[in-house]
C-alpha atoms as a PDB file:
ATOM      1  CA  MET A   1      89.155  98.791 141.786  1.00  0.00           C
ATOM      2  CA  LEU A   2      86.915 100.215 138.819  1.00  0.00           C
ATOM      3  CA  THR A   3      84.318 102.780 139.954  1.00  0.00           C
ATOM      4  CA  LEU A   4      80.894 103.210 137.865  1.00  0.00           C
ATOM      5  CA  LYS A   5      82.626 106.685 136.685  1.00  0.00           C
ATOM      6  CA  ASN A   6      85.627 104.713 135.397  1.00  0.00           C
ATOM      7  CA  LEU A   7      83.935 102.081 133.777  1.00  0.00           C
ATOM      8  CA  PHE A   8      81.972 104.897 132.160  1.00  0.00           C
ATOM      9  CA  TYR A   9      84.906 106.628 130.782  1.00  0.00           C
ATOM     10  CA  VAL A  10      86.296 103.249 129.408  1.00  0.00           C
ATOM     11  CA  LEU A  11      83.084 102.338 127.679  1.00  0.00           C
ATOM     12  CA  VAL A  12      83.155 105.752 125.879  1.00  0.00           C
ATOM     13  CA  PHE A  13      86.834 105.068 125.110  1.00  0.00           C
ATOM     14  CA  GLY A  14      86.177 102.018 123.737  1.00  0.00           C
ATOM     15  CA  VAL A  15      83.224 102.976 121.544  1.00  0.00           C
ATOM     16  CA  VAL A  16      85.335 106.172 120.246  1.00  0.00           C
ATOM     17  CA  MET A  17      88.214 103.704 119.341  1.00  0.00           C
ATOM     18  CA  TYR A  18      86.022 101.080 117.739  1.00  0.00           C
ATOM     19  CA  ALA A  19      84.299 104.073 115.571  1.00  0.00           C
ATOM     20  CA  GLY A  20      87.827 105.233 114.360  1.00  0.00           C
ATOM     21  CA  ILE A  21      89.016 101.803 113.522  1.00  0.00           C
ATOM     22  CA  GLN A  22      86.102 101.443 111.491  1.00  0.00           C
ATOM     23  CA  GLN A  23      86.206 104.659 109.635  1.00  0.00           C
ATOM     24  CA  ALA A  24      89.872 103.974 108.967  1.00  0.00           C
ATOM     25  CA  LEU A  25      89.322 100.372 107.395  1.00  0.00           C
ATOM     26  CA  GLU A  26      86.100 101.857 105.217  1.00  0.00           C
ATOM     27  CA  MET A  27      88.312 104.788 103.881  1.00  0.00           C
ATOM     28  CA  GLY A  28      91.118 102.286 102.922  1.00  0.00           C
ATOM     29  CA  ASP A  29      88.075  99.871 101.414  1.00  0.00           C
ATOM     30  CA  SER A  30      86.475 102.657  99.525  1.00  0.00           C
ATOM     31  CA  ARG A  31      89.509 103.166  97.346  1.00  0.00           C
ATOM     32  CA  GLU A  32      88.710  99.826  95.868  1.00  0.00           C
ATOM     33  CA  TRP A  33      85.233 100.616  95.402  1.00  0.00           C
ATOM     34  CA  PRO A  34      83.426 100.372  91.767  1.00  0.00           C
ATOM     35  CA  THR A  35      82.185 103.776  90.581  1.00  0.00           C
ATOM     36  CA  ALA A  36      79.132 104.987  89.102  1.00  0.00           C
ATOM     37  CA  GLU A  37      78.274 108.120  87.242  1.00  0.00           C
ATOM     38  CA  GLY A  38      75.740 110.157  89.793  1.00  0.00           C
ATOM     39  CA  VAL A  39      74.380 113.798  89.819  1.00  0.00           C
ATOM     40  CA  ILE A  40      74.557 116.480  92.414  1.00  0.00           C
ATOM     41  CA  THR A  41      70.757 117.158  93.228  1.00  0.00           C
ATOM     42  CA  GLU A  42      71.448 119.491  96.111  1.00  0.00           C
ATOM     43  CA  SER A  43      74.351 121.467  97.402  1.00  0.00           C
ATOM     44  CA  ARG A  44      74.775 124.113 100.237  1.00  0.00           C
ATOM     45  CA  ILE A  45      77.283 125.206 103.052  1.00  0.00           C
ATOM     46  CA  THR A  46      76.268 124.667 106.742  1.00  0.00           C
ATOM     47  CA  SER A  47      77.789 126.770 109.279  1.00  0.00           C
ATOM     48  CA  SER A  48      77.670 126.217 113.127  1.00  0.00           C
ATOM     49  CA  TYR A  49      78.923 128.064 115.737  1.00  0.00           C
ATOM     50  CA  LYS A  50      81.514 126.411 118.089  1.00  0.00           C
ATOM     51  CA  THR A  51      83.030 127.536 121.251  1.00  0.00           C
ATOM     52  CA  SER A  52      85.772 125.869 122.998  1.00  0.00           C
ATOM     53  CA  SER A  53      88.843 126.056 125.758  1.00  0.00           C
ATOM     54  CA  GLU A  54      90.258 123.021 124.584  1.00  0.00           C
ATOM     55  CA  LYS A  55      92.638 121.937 121.883  1.00  0.00           C
ATOM     56  CA  GLY A  56      94.926 125.013 122.130  1.00  0.00           C
ATOM     57  CA  TRP A  57      92.342 127.300 121.022  1.00  0.00           C
ATOM     58  CA  HIS A  58      90.085 129.344 123.337  1.00  0.00           C
ATOM     59  CA  GLY A  59      86.816 131.236 122.527  1.00  0.00           C
ATOM     60  CA  SER A  60      84.618 130.934 120.088  1.00  0.00           C
ATOM     61  CA  ARG A  61      84.294 130.719 116.080  1.00  0.00           C
ATOM     62  CA  TYR A  62      82.092 129.749 113.003  1.00  0.00           C
ATOM     63  CA  GLU A  63      82.696 126.016 111.217  1.00  0.00           C
ATOM     64  CA  TYR A  64      81.417 125.707 107.650  1.00  0.00           C
ATOM     65  CA  GLU A  65      80.877 122.351 106.117  1.00  0.00           C
ATOM     66  CA  VAL A  66      80.042 121.813 102.622  1.00  0.00           C
ATOM     67  CA  ARG A  67      76.895 119.556 102.188  1.00  0.00           C
ATOM     68  CA  VAL A  68      75.748 117.637  98.980  1.00  0.00           C
ATOM     69  CA  GLN A  69      73.190 115.252  97.723  1.00  0.00           C
ATOM     70  CA  TYR A  70      73.885 113.184  94.899  1.00  0.00           C
ATOM     71  CA  ALA A  71      71.540 110.633  92.749  1.00  0.00           C
ATOM     72  CA  TYR A  72      73.189 107.546  91.128  1.00  0.00           C
ATOM     73  CA  SER A  73      72.174 103.807  89.875  1.00  0.00           C
ATOM     74  CA  VAL A  74      73.847 100.613  90.388  1.00  0.00           C
ATOM     75  CA  ASP A  75      72.396  97.701  88.201  1.00  0.00           C
ATOM     76  CA  GLY A  76      69.170  99.656  87.659  1.00  0.00           C
ATOM     77  CA  VAL A  77      68.433 100.325  91.491  1.00  0.00           C
ATOM     78  CA  SER A  78      68.276 104.160  92.066  1.00  0.00           C
ATOM     79  CA  TYR A  79      70.511 105.397  95.008  1.00  0.00           C
ATOM     80  CA  SER A  80      71.037 108.913  96.700  1.00  0.00           C
ATOM     81  CA  GLY A  81      74.061 109.946  98.806  1.00  0.00           C
ATOM     82  CA  LYS A  82      74.919 112.949 100.795  1.00  0.00           C
ATOM     83  CA  HIS A  83      78.693 111.928 101.742  1.00  0.00           C
ATOM     84  CA  LEU A  84      81.729 114.029 100.157  1.00  0.00           C
ATOM     85  CA  ARG A  85      84.001 111.690 102.205  1.00  0.00           C
ATOM     86  CA  ILE A  86      84.464 109.334 105.205  1.00  0.00           C
ATOM     87  CA  ARG A  87      84.505 111.559 107.409  1.00  0.00           C
ATOM     88  CA  PRO A  88      83.040 115.415 107.619  1.00  0.00           C
ATOM     89  CA  ASN A  89      85.389 118.364 106.196  1.00  0.00           C
ATOM     90  CA  GLN A  90      84.708 121.431 108.169  1.00  0.00           C
ATOM     91  CA  TYR A  91      86.169 124.714 107.406  1.00  0.00           C
ATOM     92  CA  SER A  92      87.101 127.892 109.655  1.00  0.00           C
ATOM     93  CA  SER A  93      86.693 129.810 106.672  1.00  0.00           C
ATOM     94  CA  GLU A  94      83.560 130.354 104.685  1.00  0.00           C
ATOM     95  CA  GLU A  95      85.908 131.418 101.521  1.00  0.00           C
ATOM     96  CA  HIS A  96      87.730 127.870 101.536  1.00  0.00           C
ATOM     97  CA  ALA A  97      84.010 125.795 101.776  1.00  0.00           C
ATOM     98  CA  GLN A  98      82.854 128.282  99.018  1.00  0.00           C
ATOM     99  CA  GLN A  99      85.580 126.798  96.701  1.00  0.00           C
ATOM    100  CA  GLU A 100      85.024 123.041  97.492  1.00  0.00           C
ATOM    101  CA  LEU A 101      81.265 124.051  97.046  1.00  0.00           C
ATOM    102  CA  ALA A 102      81.716 125.537  93.483  1.00  0.00           C
ATOM    103  CA  GLU A 103      83.112 122.076  92.407  1.00  0.00           C
ATOM    104  CA  TYR A 104      79.400 120.693  93.077  1.00  0.00           C
ATOM    105  CA  PRO A 105      77.220 122.618  91.459  1.00  0.00           C
ATOM    106  CA  VAL A 106      73.490 120.883  91.137  1.00  0.00           C
ATOM    107  CA  GLY A 107      73.046 119.554  87.844  1.00  0.00           C
ATOM    108  CA  GLN A 108      77.227 118.427  87.885  1.00  0.00           C
ATOM    109  CA  ARG A 109      77.976 115.224  87.026  1.00  0.00           C
ATOM    110  CA  VAL A 110      80.054 113.425  89.573  1.00  0.00           C
ATOM    111  CA  ARG A 111      82.021 109.750  89.997  1.00  0.00           C
ATOM    112  CA  VAL A 112      80.359 108.075  92.844  1.00  0.00           C
ATOM    113  CA  TYR A 113      82.295 105.208  94.516  1.00  0.00           C
ATOM    114  CA  TYR A 114      80.002 103.023  96.033  1.00  0.00           C
ATOM    115  CA  ASN A 115      80.406  99.706  98.274  1.00  0.00           C
ATOM    116  CA  PRO A 116      79.737  96.721  96.205  1.00  0.00           C
ATOM    117  CA  LYS A 117      78.232  94.722  98.864  1.00  0.00           C
ATOM    118  CA  GLU A 118      75.970  97.783  99.932  1.00  0.00           C
ATOM    119  CA  PRO A 119      75.557  99.897  97.211  1.00  0.00           C
ATOM    120  CA  GLU A 120      73.710 102.562  99.382  1.00  0.00           C
ATOM    121  CA  ARG A 121      76.682 103.396 100.936  1.00  0.00           C
ATOM    122  CA  SER A 122      78.695 106.100  98.894  1.00  0.00           C
ATOM    123  CA  LEU A 123      80.995 108.779  98.766  1.00  0.00           C
ATOM    124  CA  LEU A 124      82.518 111.151  96.031  1.00  0.00           C
ATOM    125  CA  LYS A 125      85.862 111.535  97.352  1.00  0.00           C
ATOM    126  CA  HIS A 126      88.454 109.584  99.289  1.00  0.00           C
ATOM    127  CA  ILE A 127      90.444 111.919 101.017  1.00  0.00           C
END
């Protein structure tokens, strides 16, 4: 017999699975997306302090993420995007985040992959 608590867990599991499948499909689809030239308008690193006793590590640490914003246009319509990849990439080392950030200085011209059906959806890398 399903209790309310078990039903909640089943629903959460279903939502997580759905999101993961959608993300995987979009990642594959993005390899076929057309490109447009864009320009980096903002780039920075954010950090967050994480604590955990799960997944084999115990304690706390900082995680770093490269955040960018870029402008591009498709068929004369201007858009802005903020996704390097489908999934955010977090680093445990600020040095590694700085290495990626160096690829995206403000003013840098970039290739933007955009969804042809929804040009406002875009990213810079497939990996």
